[in-house]
mmCIF file of all heavy atoms, coordinates in Angstrom:
data_MODEL
# 
_entry.id   MODEL 
# 
loop_
_atom_site.group_PDB 
_atom_site.id 
_atom_site.type_symbol 
_atom_site.label_atom_id 
_atom_site.label_alt_id 
_atom_site.label_comp_id 
_atom_site.label_asym_id 
_atom_site.label_entity_id 
_atom_site.label_seq_id 
_atom_site.pdbx_PDB_ins_code 
_atom_site.Cartn_x 
_atom_site.Cartn_y 
_atom_site.Cartn_z 
_atom_site.occupancy 
_atom_site.B_iso_or_equiv 
_atom_site.pdbx_formal_charge 
_atom_site.auth_seq_id 
_atom_site.auth_comp_id 
_atom_site.auth_asym_id 
_atom_site.auth_atom_id 
_atom_site.pdbx_PDB_model_num 
ATOM 1   N N   . ARG A 1 1  ? 0.890   -1.199 0.028  1.00 0.00 ? 1  ARG A N   1 
ATOM 2   C CA  . ARG A 1 1  ? -0.014  -0.003 -0.012 1.00 0.00 ? 1  ARG A CA  1 
ATOM 3   C C   . ARG A 1 1  ? 0.907   1.264  0.012  1.00 0.00 ? 1  ARG A C   1 
ATOM 4   O O   . ARG A 1 1  ? 1.025   1.924  1.006  1.00 0.00 ? 1  ARG A O   1 
ATOM 5   C CB  . ARG A 1 1  ? -0.953  -0.040 1.207  1.00 0.00 ? 1  ARG A CB  1 
ATOM 6   C CG  . ARG A 1 1  ? -1.845  -1.274 1.267  1.00 0.00 ? 1  ARG A CG  1 
ATOM 7   C CD  . ARG A 1 1  ? -2.705  -1.298 2.499  1.00 0.00 ? 1  ARG A CD  1 
ATOM 8   N NE  . ARG A 1 1  ? -3.368  -2.580 2.602  1.00 0.00 ? 1  ARG A NE  1 
ATOM 9   C CZ  . ARG A 1 1  ? -4.502  -2.884 1.962  1.00 0.00 ? 1  ARG A CZ  1 
ATOM 10  N NH1 . ARG A 1 1  ? -5.097  -1.967 1.214  1.00 0.00 ? 1  ARG A NH1 1 
ATOM 11  N NH2 . ARG A 1 1  ? -5.057  -4.086 2.136  1.00 0.00 ? 1  ARG A NH2 1 
ATOM 12  N N   . LEU A 1 2  ? 1.473   1.502  -1.190 1.00 0.00 ? 2  LEU A N   1 
ATOM 13  C CA  . LEU A 1 2  ? 2.543   2.529  -1.256 1.00 0.00 ? 2  LEU A CA  1 
ATOM 14  C C   . LEU A 1 2  ? 1.941   3.934  -1.093 1.00 0.00 ? 2  LEU A C   1 
ATOM 15  O O   . LEU A 1 2  ? 2.602   4.774  -0.530 1.00 0.00 ? 2  LEU A O   1 
ATOM 16  C CB  . LEU A 1 2  ? 3.257   2.346  -2.576 1.00 0.00 ? 2  LEU A CB  1 
ATOM 17  C CG  . LEU A 1 2  ? 3.883   1.000  -2.835 1.00 0.00 ? 2  LEU A CG  1 
ATOM 18  C CD1 . LEU A 1 2  ? 4.495   0.935  -4.220 1.00 0.00 ? 2  LEU A CD1 1 
ATOM 19  C CD2 . LEU A 1 2  ? 4.958   0.736  -1.780 1.00 0.00 ? 2  LEU A CD2 1 
ATOM 20  N N   . ARG A 1 3  ? 0.783   4.175  -1.640 1.00 0.00 ? 3  ARG A N   1 
ATOM 21  C CA  . ARG A 1 3  ? 0.243   5.511  -1.488 1.00 0.00 ? 3  ARG A CA  1 
ATOM 22  C C   . ARG A 1 3  ? -0.058  5.850  -0.034 1.00 0.00 ? 3  ARG A C   1 
ATOM 23  O O   . ARG A 1 3  ? 0.184   6.955  0.473  1.00 0.00 ? 3  ARG A O   1 
ATOM 24  C CB  . ARG A 1 3  ? -1.058  5.642  -2.309 1.00 0.00 ? 3  ARG A CB  1 
ATOM 25  C CG  . ARG A 1 3  ? -1.706  7.027  -2.315 1.00 0.00 ? 3  ARG A CG  1 
ATOM 26  C CD  . ARG A 1 3  ? -2.910  7.123  -3.177 1.00 0.00 ? 3  ARG A CD  1 
ATOM 27  N NE  . ARG A 1 3  ? -2.569  6.809  -4.609 1.00 0.00 ? 3  ARG A NE  1 
ATOM 28  C CZ  . ARG A 1 3  ? -3.433  6.754  -5.526 1.00 0.00 ? 3  ARG A CZ  1 
ATOM 29  N NH1 . ARG A 1 3  ? -4.752  7.058  -5.306 1.00 0.00 ? 3  ARG A NH1 1 
ATOM 30  N NH2 . ARG A 1 3  ? -3.039  6.508  -6.823 1.00 0.00 ? 3  ARG A NH2 1 
ATOM 31  N N   . LEU A 1 4  ? -0.628  4.829  0.680  1.00 0.00 ? 4  LEU A N   1 
ATOM 32  C CA  . LEU A 1 4  ? -0.865  5.000  2.100  1.00 0.00 ? 4  LEU A CA  1 
ATOM 33  C C   . LEU A 1 4  ? 0.452   5.230  2.880  1.00 0.00 ? 4  LEU A C   1 
ATOM 34  O O   . LEU A 1 4  ? 0.470   6.073  3.777  1.00 0.00 ? 4  LEU A O   1 
ATOM 35  C CB  . LEU A 1 4  ? -1.629  3.801  2.618  1.00 0.00 ? 4  LEU A CB  1 
ATOM 36  C CG  . LEU A 1 4  ? -1.980  3.784  4.159  1.00 0.00 ? 4  LEU A CG  1 
ATOM 37  C CD1 . LEU A 1 4  ? -2.837  4.929  4.492  1.00 0.00 ? 4  LEU A CD1 1 
ATOM 38  C CD2 . LEU A 1 4  ? -2.602  2.450  4.550  1.00 0.00 ? 4  LEU A CD2 1 
ATOM 39  N N   . SER A 1 5  ? 1.465   4.476  2.530  1.00 0.00 ? 5  SER A N   1 
ATOM 40  C CA  . SER A 1 5  ? 2.721   4.595  3.193  1.00 0.00 ? 5  SER A CA  1 
ATOM 41  C C   . SER A 1 5  ? 3.287   5.989  2.946  1.00 0.00 ? 5  SER A C   1 
ATOM 42  O O   . SER A 1 5  ? 3.790   6.631  3.963  1.00 0.00 ? 5  SER A O   1 
ATOM 43  C CB  . SER A 1 5  ? 3.747   3.571  2.663  1.00 0.00 ? 5  SER A CB  1 
ATOM 44  O OG  . SER A 1 5  ? 3.276   2.271  2.946  1.00 0.00 ? 5  SER A OG  1 
ATOM 45  N N   . ARG A 1 6  ? 3.175   6.527  1.746  1.00 0.00 ? 6  ARG A N   1 
ATOM 46  C CA  . ARG A 1 6  ? 3.708   7.857  1.481  1.00 0.00 ? 6  ARG A CA  1 
ATOM 47  C C   . ARG A 1 6  ? 2.992   8.899  2.314  1.00 0.00 ? 6  ARG A C   1 
ATOM 48  O O   . ARG A 1 6  ? 3.621   9.794  2.968  1.00 0.00 ? 6  ARG A O   1 
ATOM 49  C CB  . ARG A 1 6  ? 3.530   8.168  -0.020 1.00 0.00 ? 6  ARG A CB  1 
ATOM 50  C CG  . ARG A 1 6  ? 4.040   9.569  -0.408 1.00 0.00 ? 6  ARG A CG  1 
ATOM 51  C CD  . ARG A 1 6  ? 3.590   9.868  -1.857 1.00 0.00 ? 6  ARG A CD  1 
ATOM 52  N NE  . ARG A 1 6  ? 4.031   11.205 -2.269 1.00 0.00 ? 6  ARG A NE  1 
ATOM 53  C CZ  . ARG A 1 6  ? 3.578   11.781 -3.434 1.00 0.00 ? 6  ARG A CZ  1 
ATOM 54  N NH1 . ARG A 1 6  ? 2.739   11.168 -4.184 1.00 0.00 ? 6  ARG A NH1 1 
ATOM 55  N NH2 . ARG A 1 6  ? 4.021   12.993 -3.693 1.00 0.00 ? 6  ARG A NH2 1 
ATOM 56  N N   . VAL A 1 7  ? 1.669   8.866  2.364  1.00 0.00 ? 7  VAL A N   1 
ATOM 57  C CA  . VAL A 1 7  ? 0.924   9.819  3.133  1.00 0.00 ? 7  VAL A CA  1 
ATOM 58  C C   . VAL A 1 7  ? 1.201   9.696  4.628  1.00 0.00 ? 7  VAL A C   1 
ATOM 59  O O   . VAL A 1 7  ? 1.427   10.663 5.329  1.00 0.00 ? 7  VAL A O   1 
ATOM 60  C CB  . VAL A 1 7  ? -0.633  9.625  2.868  1.00 0.00 ? 7  VAL A CB  1 
ATOM 61  C CG1 . VAL A 1 7  ? -1.428  10.520 3.854  1.00 0.00 ? 7  VAL A CG1 1 
ATOM 62  C CG2 . VAL A 1 7  ? -0.994  9.953  1.442  1.00 0.00 ? 7  VAL A CG2 1 
ATOM 63  N N   . TYR A 1 8  ? 1.271   8.506  5.135  1.00 0.00 ? 8  TYR A N   1 
ATOM 64  C CA  . TYR A 1 8  ? 1.568   8.246  6.521  1.00 0.00 ? 8  TYR A CA  1 
ATOM 65  C C   . TYR A 1 8  ? 2.944   8.848  6.892  1.00 0.00 ? 8  TYR A C   1 
ATOM 66  O O   . TYR A 1 8  ? 3.017   9.524  7.966  1.00 0.00 ? 8  TYR A O   1 
ATOM 67  C CB  . TYR A 1 8  ? 1.571   6.742  6.817  1.00 0.00 ? 8  TYR A CB  1 
ATOM 68  C CG  . TYR A 1 8  ? 1.994   6.387  8.220  1.00 0.00 ? 8  TYR A CG  1 
ATOM 69  C CD1 . TYR A 1 8  ? 1.044   6.277  9.205  1.00 0.00 ? 8  TYR A CD1 1 
ATOM 70  C CD2 . TYR A 1 8  ? 3.363   6.133  8.519  1.00 0.00 ? 8  TYR A CD2 1 
ATOM 71  C CE1 . TYR A 1 8  ? 1.477   5.922  10.543 1.00 0.00 ? 8  TYR A CE1 1 
ATOM 72  C CE2 . TYR A 1 8  ? 3.717   5.735  9.782  1.00 0.00 ? 8  TYR A CE2 1 
ATOM 73  C CZ  . TYR A 1 8  ? 2.833   5.687  10.828 1.00 0.00 ? 8  TYR A CZ  1 
ATOM 74  O OH  . TYR A 1 8  ? 3.205   5.417  12.063 1.00 0.00 ? 8  TYR A OH  1 
ATOM 75  N N   . LEU A 1 9  ? 3.962   8.617  6.109  1.00 0.00 ? 9  LEU A N   1 
ATOM 76  C CA  . LEU A 1 9  ? 5.259   9.090  6.494  1.00 0.00 ? 9  LEU A CA  1 
ATOM 77  C C   . LEU A 1 9  ? 5.286   10.585 6.515  1.00 0.00 ? 9  LEU A C   1 
ATOM 78  O O   . LEU A 1 9  ? 5.885   11.233 7.390  1.00 0.00 ? 9  LEU A O   1 
ATOM 79  C CB  . LEU A 1 9  ? 6.322   8.546  5.509  1.00 0.00 ? 9  LEU A CB  1 
ATOM 80  C CG  . LEU A 1 9  ? 6.571   7.019  5.608  1.00 0.00 ? 9  LEU A CG  1 
ATOM 81  C CD1 . LEU A 1 9  ? 7.393   6.547  4.427  1.00 0.00 ? 9  LEU A CD1 1 
ATOM 82  C CD2 . LEU A 1 9  ? 7.171   6.663  6.955  1.00 0.00 ? 9  LEU A CD2 1 
ATOM 83  N N   . ILE A 1 10 ? 4.725   11.248 5.452  1.00 0.00 ? 10 ILE A N   1 
ATOM 84  C CA  . ILE A 1 10 ? 4.775   12.748 5.434  1.00 0.00 ? 10 ILE A CA  1 
ATOM 85  C C   . ILE A 1 10 ? 3.977   13.359 6.587  1.00 0.00 ? 10 ILE A C   1 
ATOM 86  O O   . ILE A 1 10 ? 4.437   14.293 7.281  1.00 0.00 ? 10 ILE A O   1 
ATOM 87  C CB  . ILE A 1 10 ? 4.186   13.234 4.091  1.00 0.00 ? 10 ILE A CB  1 
ATOM 88  C CG1 . ILE A 1 10 ? 5.099   12.791 2.925  1.00 0.00 ? 10 ILE A CG1 1 
ATOM 89  C CG2 . ILE A 1 10 ? 4.011   14.741 4.086  1.00 0.00 ? 10 ILE A CG2 1 
ATOM 90  C CD1 . ILE A 1 10 ? 4.616   13.143 1.602  1.00 0.00 ? 10 ILE A CD1 1 
ATOM 91  N N   . VAL A 1 11 ? 2.710   12.836 6.805  1.00 0.00 ? 11 VAL A N   1 
ATOM 92  C CA  . VAL A 1 11 ? 1.847   13.335 7.906  1.00 0.00 ? 11 VAL A CA  1 
ATOM 93  C C   . VAL A 1 11 ? 2.527   13.235 9.256  1.00 0.00 ? 11 VAL A C   1 
ATOM 94  O O   . VAL A 1 11 ? 2.501   14.156 10.076 1.00 0.00 ? 11 VAL A O   1 
ATOM 95  C CB  . VAL A 1 11 ? 0.446   12.692 7.838  1.00 0.00 ? 11 VAL A CB  1 
ATOM 96  C CG1 . VAL A 1 11 ? -0.340  13.117 9.078  1.00 0.00 ? 11 VAL A CG1 1 
ATOM 97  C CG2 . VAL A 1 11 ? -0.250  13.138 6.562  1.00 0.00 ? 11 VAL A CG2 1 
ATOM 98  N N   . THR A 1 12 ? 3.122   12.015 9.532  1.00 0.00 ? 12 THR A N   1 
ATOM 99  C CA  . THR A 1 12 ? 3.712   11.795 10.841 1.00 0.00 ? 12 THR A CA  1 
ATOM 100 C C   . THR A 1 12 ? 4.935   12.659 11.059 1.00 0.00 ? 12 THR A C   1 
ATOM 101 O O   . THR A 1 12 ? 5.237   13.077 12.150 1.00 0.00 ? 12 THR A O   1 
ATOM 102 C CB  . THR A 1 12 ? 4.004   10.340 11.042 1.00 0.00 ? 12 THR A CB  1 
ATOM 103 O OG1 . THR A 1 12 ? 4.819   9.807  9.956  1.00 0.00 ? 12 THR A OG1 1 
ATOM 104 C CG2 . THR A 1 12 ? 2.674   9.534  11.129 1.00 0.00 ? 12 THR A CG2 1 
ATOM 105 N N   . MET A 1 13 ? 5.697   12.907 9.973  1.00 0.00 ? 13 MET A N   1 
ATOM 106 C CA  . MET A 1 13 ? 6.834   13.814 10.078 1.00 0.00 ? 13 MET A CA  1 
ATOM 107 C C   . MET A 1 13 ? 6.456   15.215 10.564 1.00 0.00 ? 13 MET A C   1 
ATOM 108 O O   . MET A 1 13 ? 7.006   15.781 11.433 1.00 0.00 ? 13 MET A O   1 
ATOM 109 C CB  . MET A 1 13 ? 7.627   13.889 8.783  1.00 0.00 ? 13 MET A CB  1 
ATOM 110 C CG  . MET A 1 13 ? 8.499   12.684 8.475  1.00 0.00 ? 13 MET A CG  1 
ATOM 111 S SD  . MET A 1 13 ? 9.454   12.936 6.952  1.00 0.00 ? 13 MET A SD  1 
ATOM 112 C CE  . MET A 1 13 ? 10.720  14.043 7.501  1.00 0.00 ? 13 MET A CE  1 
ATOM 113 N N   . VAL A 1 14 ? 5.428   15.719 9.840  1.00 0.00 ? 14 VAL A N   1 
ATOM 114 C CA  . VAL A 1 14 ? 4.950   17.033 10.140 1.00 0.00 ? 14 VAL A CA  1 
ATOM 115 C C   . VAL A 1 14 ? 4.330   17.133 11.564 1.00 0.00 ? 14 VAL A C   1 
ATOM 116 O O   . VAL A 1 14 ? 4.592   18.014 12.343 1.00 0.00 ? 14 VAL A O   1 
ATOM 117 C CB  . VAL A 1 14 ? 3.920   17.548 9.110  1.00 0.00 ? 14 VAL A CB  1 
ATOM 118 C CG1 . VAL A 1 14 ? 3.281   18.880 9.472  1.00 0.00 ? 14 VAL A CG1 1 
ATOM 119 C CG2 . VAL A 1 14 ? 4.569   17.571 7.694  1.00 0.00 ? 14 VAL A CG2 1 
ATOM 120 N N   . PHE A 1 15 ? 3.491   16.068 11.841 1.00 0.00 ? 15 PHE A N   1 
ATOM 121 C CA  . PHE A 1 15 ? 2.847   16.054 13.192 1.00 0.00 ? 15 PHE A CA  1 
ATOM 122 C C   . PHE A 1 15 ? 3.839   16.026 14.351 1.00 0.00 ? 15 PHE A C   1 
ATOM 123 O O   . PHE A 1 15 ? 3.727   16.721 15.353 1.00 0.00 ? 15 PHE A O   1 
ATOM 124 C CB  . PHE A 1 15 ? 1.931   14.879 13.214 1.00 0.00 ? 15 PHE A CB  1 
ATOM 125 C CG  . PHE A 1 15 ? 1.221   14.676 14.590 1.00 0.00 ? 15 PHE A CG  1 
ATOM 126 C CD1 . PHE A 1 15 ? 0.088   15.401 14.913 1.00 0.00 ? 15 PHE A CD1 1 
ATOM 127 C CD2 . PHE A 1 15 ? 1.777   13.863 15.529 1.00 0.00 ? 15 PHE A CD2 1 
ATOM 128 C CE1 . PHE A 1 15 ? -0.549  15.225 16.093 1.00 0.00 ? 15 PHE A CE1 1 
ATOM 129 C CE2 . PHE A 1 15 ? 1.171   13.679 16.764 1.00 0.00 ? 15 PHE A CE2 1 
ATOM 130 C CZ  . PHE A 1 15 ? 0.041   14.346 17.091 1.00 0.00 ? 15 PHE A CZ  1 
ATOM 131 N N   . SER A 1 16 ? 4.845   15.227 14.159 1.00 0.00 ? 16 SER A N   1 
ATOM 132 C CA  . SER A 1 16 ? 5.851   15.002 15.255 1.00 0.00 ? 16 SER A CA  1 
ATOM 133 C C   . SER A 1 16 ? 6.548   16.284 15.573 1.00 0.00 ? 16 SER A C   1 
ATOM 134 O O   . SER A 1 16 ? 6.891   16.586 16.782 1.00 0.00 ? 16 SER A O   1 
ATOM 135 C CB  . SER A 1 16 ? 6.920   13.949 14.819 1.00 0.00 ? 16 SER A CB  1 
ATOM 136 O OG  . SER A 1 16 ? 6.275   12.703 14.663 1.00 0.00 ? 16 SER A OG  1 
ATOM 137 N N   . LEU A 1 17 ? 6.796   17.163 14.584 1.00 0.00 ? 17 LEU A N   1 
ATOM 138 C CA  . LEU A 1 17 ? 7.480   18.395 14.823 1.00 0.00 ? 17 LEU A CA  1 
ATOM 139 C C   . LEU A 1 17 ? 6.660   19.560 15.261 1.00 0.00 ? 17 LEU A C   1 
ATOM 140 O O   . LEU A 1 17 ? 7.080   20.516 15.922 1.00 0.00 ? 17 LEU A O   1 
ATOM 141 C CB  . LEU A 1 17 ? 8.252   18.845 13.522 1.00 0.00 ? 17 LEU A CB  1 
ATOM 142 C CG  . LEU A 1 17 ? 9.363   17.934 13.101 1.00 0.00 ? 17 LEU A CG  1 
ATOM 143 C CD1 . LEU A 1 17 ? 9.985   18.444 11.781 1.00 0.00 ? 17 LEU A CD1 1 
ATOM 144 C CD2 . LEU A 1 17 ? 10.406  17.761 14.153 1.00 0.00 ? 17 LEU A CD2 1 
ATOM 145 N N   . THR A 1 18 ? 5.310   19.477 15.006 1.00 0.00 ? 18 THR A N   1 
ATOM 146 C CA  . THR A 1 18 ? 4.414   20.604 15.305 1.00 0.00 ? 18 THR A CA  1 
ATOM 147 C C   . THR A 1 18 ? 3.600   20.447 16.530 1.00 0.00 ? 18 THR A C   1 
ATOM 148 O O   . THR A 1 18 ? 3.236   21.404 17.211 1.00 0.00 ? 18 THR A O   1 
ATOM 149 C CB  . THR A 1 18 ? 3.524   20.869 14.121 1.00 0.00 ? 18 THR A CB  1 
ATOM 150 O OG1 . THR A 1 18 ? 2.772   19.681 13.734 1.00 0.00 ? 18 THR A OG1 1 
ATOM 151 C CG2 . THR A 1 18 ? 4.325   21.310 12.895 1.00 0.00 ? 18 THR A CG2 1 
ATOM 152 N N   . TYR A 1 19 ? 3.205   19.191 16.888 1.00 0.00 ? 19 TYR A N   1 
ATOM 153 C CA  . TYR A 1 19 ? 2.230   19.057 17.960 1.00 0.00 ? 19 TYR A CA  1 
ATOM 154 C C   . TYR A 1 19 ? 2.744   19.466 19.293 1.00 0.00 ? 19 TYR A C   1 
ATOM 155 O O   . TYR A 1 19 ? 1.939   20.003 20.130 1.00 0.00 ? 19 TYR A O   1 
ATOM 156 C CB  . TYR A 1 19 ? 1.758   17.570 18.017 1.00 0.00 ? 19 TYR A CB  1 
ATOM 157 C CG  . TYR A 1 19 ? 2.548   16.674 19.000 1.00 0.00 ? 19 TYR A CG  1 
ATOM 158 C CD1 . TYR A 1 19 ? 2.176   16.561 20.351 1.00 0.00 ? 19 TYR A CD1 1 
ATOM 159 C CD2 . TYR A 1 19 ? 3.767   16.090 18.556 1.00 0.00 ? 19 TYR A CD2 1 
ATOM 160 C CE1 . TYR A 1 19 ? 2.895   15.778 21.154 1.00 0.00 ? 19 TYR A CE1 1 
ATOM 161 C CE2 . TYR A 1 19 ? 4.493   15.293 19.418 1.00 0.00 ? 19 TYR A CE2 1 
ATOM 162 C CZ  . TYR A 1 19 ? 4.089   15.162 20.798 1.00 0.00 ? 19 TYR A CZ  1 
ATOM 163 O OH  . TYR A 1 19 ? 4.834   14.444 21.607 1.00 0.00 ? 19 TYR A OH  1 
ATOM 164 N N   . PRO A 1 20 ? 4.054   19.359 19.648 1.00 0.00 ? 20 PRO A N   1 
ATOM 165 C CA  . PRO A 1 20 ? 4.463   19.915 20.920 1.00 0.00 ? 20 PRO A CA  1 
ATOM 166 C C   . PRO A 1 20 ? 4.304   21.415 21.045 1.00 0.00 ? 20 PRO A C   1 
ATOM 167 O O   . PRO A 1 20 ? 4.398   21.961 22.184 1.00 0.00 ? 20 PRO A O   1 
ATOM 168 C CB  . PRO A 1 20 ? 5.959   19.533 21.049 1.00 0.00 ? 20 PRO A CB  1 
ATOM 169 C CG  . PRO A 1 20 ? 6.156   18.389 20.034 1.00 0.00 ? 20 PRO A CG  1 
ATOM 170 C CD  . PRO A 1 20 ? 5.189   18.753 18.957 1.00 0.00 ? 20 PRO A CD  1 
ATOM 171 N N   . LEU A 1 21 ? 4.149   22.126 19.970 1.00 0.00 ? 21 LEU A N   1 
ATOM 172 C CA  . LEU A 1 21 ? 3.994   23.570 20.007 1.00 0.00 ? 21 LEU A CA  1 
ATOM 173 C C   . LEU A 1 21 ? 2.539   24.034 20.086 1.00 0.00 ? 21 LEU A C   1 
ATOM 174 O O   . LEU A 1 21 ? 2.279   25.231 20.286 1.00 0.00 ? 21 LEU A O   1 
ATOM 175 C CB  . LEU A 1 21 ? 4.636   24.170 18.682 1.00 0.00 ? 21 LEU A CB  1 
ATOM 176 C CG  . LEU A 1 21 ? 6.093   23.814 18.467 1.00 0.00 ? 21 LEU A CG  1 
ATOM 177 C CD1 . LEU A 1 21 ? 6.504   24.460 17.140 1.00 0.00 ? 21 LEU A CD1 1 
ATOM 178 C CD2 . LEU A 1 21 ? 6.947   24.369 19.575 1.00 0.00 ? 21 LEU A CD2 1 
ATOM 179 N N   . VAL A 1 22 ? 1.596   23.043 20.008 1.00 0.00 ? 22 VAL A N   1 
ATOM 180 C CA  . VAL A 1 22 ? 0.183   23.428 20.066 1.00 0.00 ? 22 VAL A CA  1 
ATOM 181 C C   . VAL A 1 22 ? -0.163  23.752 21.470 1.00 0.00 ? 22 VAL A C   1 
ATOM 182 O O   . VAL A 1 22 ? 0.242   23.096 22.428 1.00 0.00 ? 22 VAL A O   1 
ATOM 183 C CB  . VAL A 1 22 ? -0.695  22.209 19.576 1.00 0.00 ? 22 VAL A CB  1 
ATOM 184 C CG1 . VAL A 1 22 ? -2.117  22.506 19.734 1.00 0.00 ? 22 VAL A CG1 1 
ATOM 185 C CG2 . VAL A 1 22 ? -0.384  21.882 18.085 1.00 0.00 ? 22 VAL A CG2 1 
ATOM 186 N N   . ARG A 1 23 ? -0.937  24.819 21.605 1.00 0.00 ? 23 ARG A N   1 
ATOM 187 C CA  . ARG A 1 23 ? -1.426  25.204 22.917 1.00 0.00 ? 23 ARG A CA  1 
ATOM 188 C C   . ARG A 1 23 ? -2.774  24.619 23.149 1.00 0.00 ? 23 ARG A C   1 
ATOM 189 O O   . ARG A 1 23 ? -3.746  24.955 22.439 1.00 0.00 ? 23 ARG A O   1 
ATOM 190 C CB  . ARG A 1 23 ? -1.456  26.713 23.089 1.00 0.00 ? 23 ARG A CB  1 
ATOM 191 C CG  . ARG A 1 23 ? -0.065  27.343 23.142 1.00 0.00 ? 23 ARG A CG  1 
ATOM 192 C CD  . ARG A 1 23 ? -0.129  28.839 23.492 1.00 0.00 ? 23 ARG A CD  1 
ATOM 193 N NE  . ARG A 1 23 ? 1.247   29.368 23.684 1.00 0.00 ? 23 ARG A NE  1 
ATOM 194 C CZ  . ARG A 1 23 ? 1.820   29.360 24.880 1.00 0.00 ? 23 ARG A CZ  1 
ATOM 195 N NH1 . ARG A 1 23 ? 1.193   28.887 25.954 1.00 0.00 ? 23 ARG A NH1 1 
ATOM 196 N NH2 . ARG A 1 23 ? 3.037   29.875 25.014 1.00 0.00 ? 23 ARG A NH2 1 
ATOM 197 N N   . MET A 1 24 ? -2.930  23.742 24.146 1.00 0.00 ? 24 MET A N   1 
ATOM 198 C CA  . MET A 1 24 ? -4.216  23.083 24.405 1.00 0.00 ? 24 MET A CA  1 
ATOM 199 C C   . MET A 1 24 ? -4.866  23.712 25.676 1.00 0.00 ? 24 MET A C   1 
ATOM 200 O O   . MET A 1 24 ? -4.237  23.695 26.740 1.00 0.00 ? 24 MET A O   1 
ATOM 201 C CB  . MET A 1 24 ? -4.007  21.581 24.617 1.00 0.00 ? 24 MET A CB  1 
ATOM 202 C CG  . MET A 1 24 ? -5.255  20.829 24.946 1.00 0.00 ? 24 MET A CG  1 
ATOM 203 S SD  . MET A 1 24 ? -4.932  19.070 25.149 1.00 0.00 ? 24 MET A SD  1 
ATOM 204 C CE  . MET A 1 24 ? -4.453  18.623 23.503 1.00 0.00 ? 24 MET A CE  1 
ATOM 205 N N   . PRO A 1 25 ? -6.139  24.181 25.547 1.00 0.00 ? 25 PRO A N   1 
ATOM 206 C CA  . PRO A 1 25 ? -6.776  24.729 26.712 1.00 0.00 ? 25 PRO A CA  1 
ATOM 207 C C   . PRO A 1 25 ? -6.812  23.665 27.839 1.00 0.00 ? 25 PRO A C   1 
ATOM 208 O O   . PRO A 1 25 ? -7.130  22.551 27.594 1.00 0.00 ? 25 PRO A O   1 
ATOM 209 C CB  . PRO A 1 25 ? -8.190  25.114 26.240 1.00 0.00 ? 25 PRO A CB  1 
ATOM 210 C CG  . PRO A 1 25 ? -7.970  25.236 24.712 1.00 0.00 ? 25 PRO A CG  1 
ATOM 211 C CD  . PRO A 1 25 ? -6.913  24.264 24.364 1.00 0.00 ? 25 PRO A CD  1 
ATOM 212 N N   . GLU A 1 26 ? -6.561  24.128 29.070 1.00 0.00 ? 26 GLU A N   1 
ATOM 213 C CA  . GLU A 1 26 ? -6.640  23.203 30.201 1.00 0.00 ? 26 GLU A CA  1 
ATOM 214 C C   . GLU A 1 26 ? -8.033  23.219 30.736 1.00 0.00 ? 26 GLU A C   1 
ATOM 215 O O   . GLU A 1 26 ? -8.633  24.265 30.993 1.00 0.00 ? 26 GLU A O   1 
ATOM 216 C CB  . GLU A 1 26 ? -5.665  23.732 31.271 1.00 0.00 ? 26 GLU A CB  1 
ATOM 217 C CG  . GLU A 1 26 ? -5.606  22.769 32.454 1.00 0.00 ? 26 GLU A CG  1 
ATOM 218 C CD  . GLU A 1 26 ? -4.155  22.489 32.723 1.00 0.00 ? 26 GLU A CD  1 
ATOM 219 O OE1 . GLU A 1 26 ? -3.244  22.903 31.964 1.00 0.00 ? 26 GLU A OE1 1 
ATOM 220 O OE2 . GLU A 1 26 ? -3.915  21.845 33.798 1.00 0.00 ? 26 GLU A OE2 1 
ATOM 221 N N   . THR A 1 27 ? -8.611  21.982 30.878 1.00 0.00 ? 27 THR A N   1 
ATOM 222 C CA  . THR A 1 27 ? -9.994  21.889 31.373 1.00 0.00 ? 27 THR A CA  1 
ATOM 223 C C   . THR A 1 27 ? -9.999  22.307 32.881 1.00 0.00 ? 27 THR A C   1 
ATOM 224 O O   . THR A 1 27 ? -9.210  21.936 33.622 1.00 0.00 ? 27 THR A O   1 
ATOM 225 C CB  . THR A 1 27 ? -10.456 20.436 31.197 1.00 0.00 ? 27 THR A CB  1 
ATOM 226 O OG1 . THR A 1 27 ? -10.303 20.004 29.826 1.00 0.00 ? 27 THR A OG1 1 
ATOM 227 C CG2 . THR A 1 27 ? -11.907 20.318 31.653 1.00 0.00 ? 27 THR A CG2 1 
ATOM 228 N N   . LEU A 1 28 ? -11.007 23.083 33.174 1.00 0.00 ? 28 LEU A N   1 
ATOM 229 C CA  . LEU A 1 28 ? -11.190 23.478 34.558 1.00 0.00 ? 28 LEU A CA  1 
ATOM 230 C C   . LEU A 1 28 ? -11.442 22.227 35.418 1.00 0.00 ? 28 LEU A C   1 
ATOM 231 O O   . LEU A 1 28 ? -12.181 21.315 35.033 1.00 0.00 ? 28 LEU A O   1 
ATOM 232 C CB  . LEU A 1 28 ? -12.337 24.436 34.691 1.00 0.00 ? 28 LEU A CB  1 
ATOM 233 C CG  . LEU A 1 28 ? -12.158 25.812 34.079 1.00 0.00 ? 28 LEU A CG  1 
ATOM 234 C CD1 . LEU A 1 28 ? -13.300 26.677 34.305 1.00 0.00 ? 28 LEU A CD1 1 
ATOM 235 C CD2 . LEU A 1 28 ? -10.869 26.468 34.641 1.00 0.00 ? 28 LEU A CD2 1 
ATOM 236 N N   . VAL A 1 29 ? -10.862 22.215 36.554 1.00 0.00 ? 29 VAL A N   1 
ATOM 237 C CA  . VAL A 1 29 ? -11.002 21.072 37.433 1.00 0.00 ? 29 VAL A CA  1 
ATOM 238 C C   . VAL A 1 29 ? -12.423 21.039 38.020 1.00 0.00 ? 29 VAL A C   1 
ATOM 239 O O   . VAL A 1 29 ? -12.972 22.038 38.466 1.00 0.00 ? 29 VAL A O   1 
ATOM 240 C CB  . VAL A 1 29 ? -10.076 21.181 38.670 1.00 0.00 ? 29 VAL A CB  1 
ATOM 241 C CG1 . VAL A 1 29 ? -10.208 20.000 39.634 1.00 0.00 ? 29 VAL A CG1 1 
ATOM 242 C CG2 . VAL A 1 29 ? -8.642  21.266 38.187 1.00 0.00 ? 29 VAL A CG2 1 
ATOM 243 N N   . SER A 1 30 ? -13.084 19.925 37.774 1.00 0.00 ? 30 SER A N   1 
ATOM 244 C CA  . SER A 1 30 ? -14.465 19.801 38.221 1.00 0.00 ? 30 SER A CA  1 
ATOM 245 C C   . SER A 1 30 ? -14.544 19.614 39.751 1.00 0.00 ? 30 SER A C   1 
ATOM 246 O O   . SER A 1 30 ? -13.623 18.991 40.350 1.00 0.00 ? 30 SER A O   1 
ATOM 247 C CB  . SER A 1 30 ? -15.195 18.612 37.548 1.00 0.00 ? 30 SER A CB  1 
ATOM 248 O OG  . SER A 1 30 ? -14.466 17.430 37.832 1.00 0.00 ? 30 SER A OG  1 
# 
């Protein structure tokens, strides 16, 4: 499944480098 492999490799490369920079709202403690 070469097309899937290509998409997977590109997406995970980008995700790995960008997700630690995402600011996620902290849920208020219930």
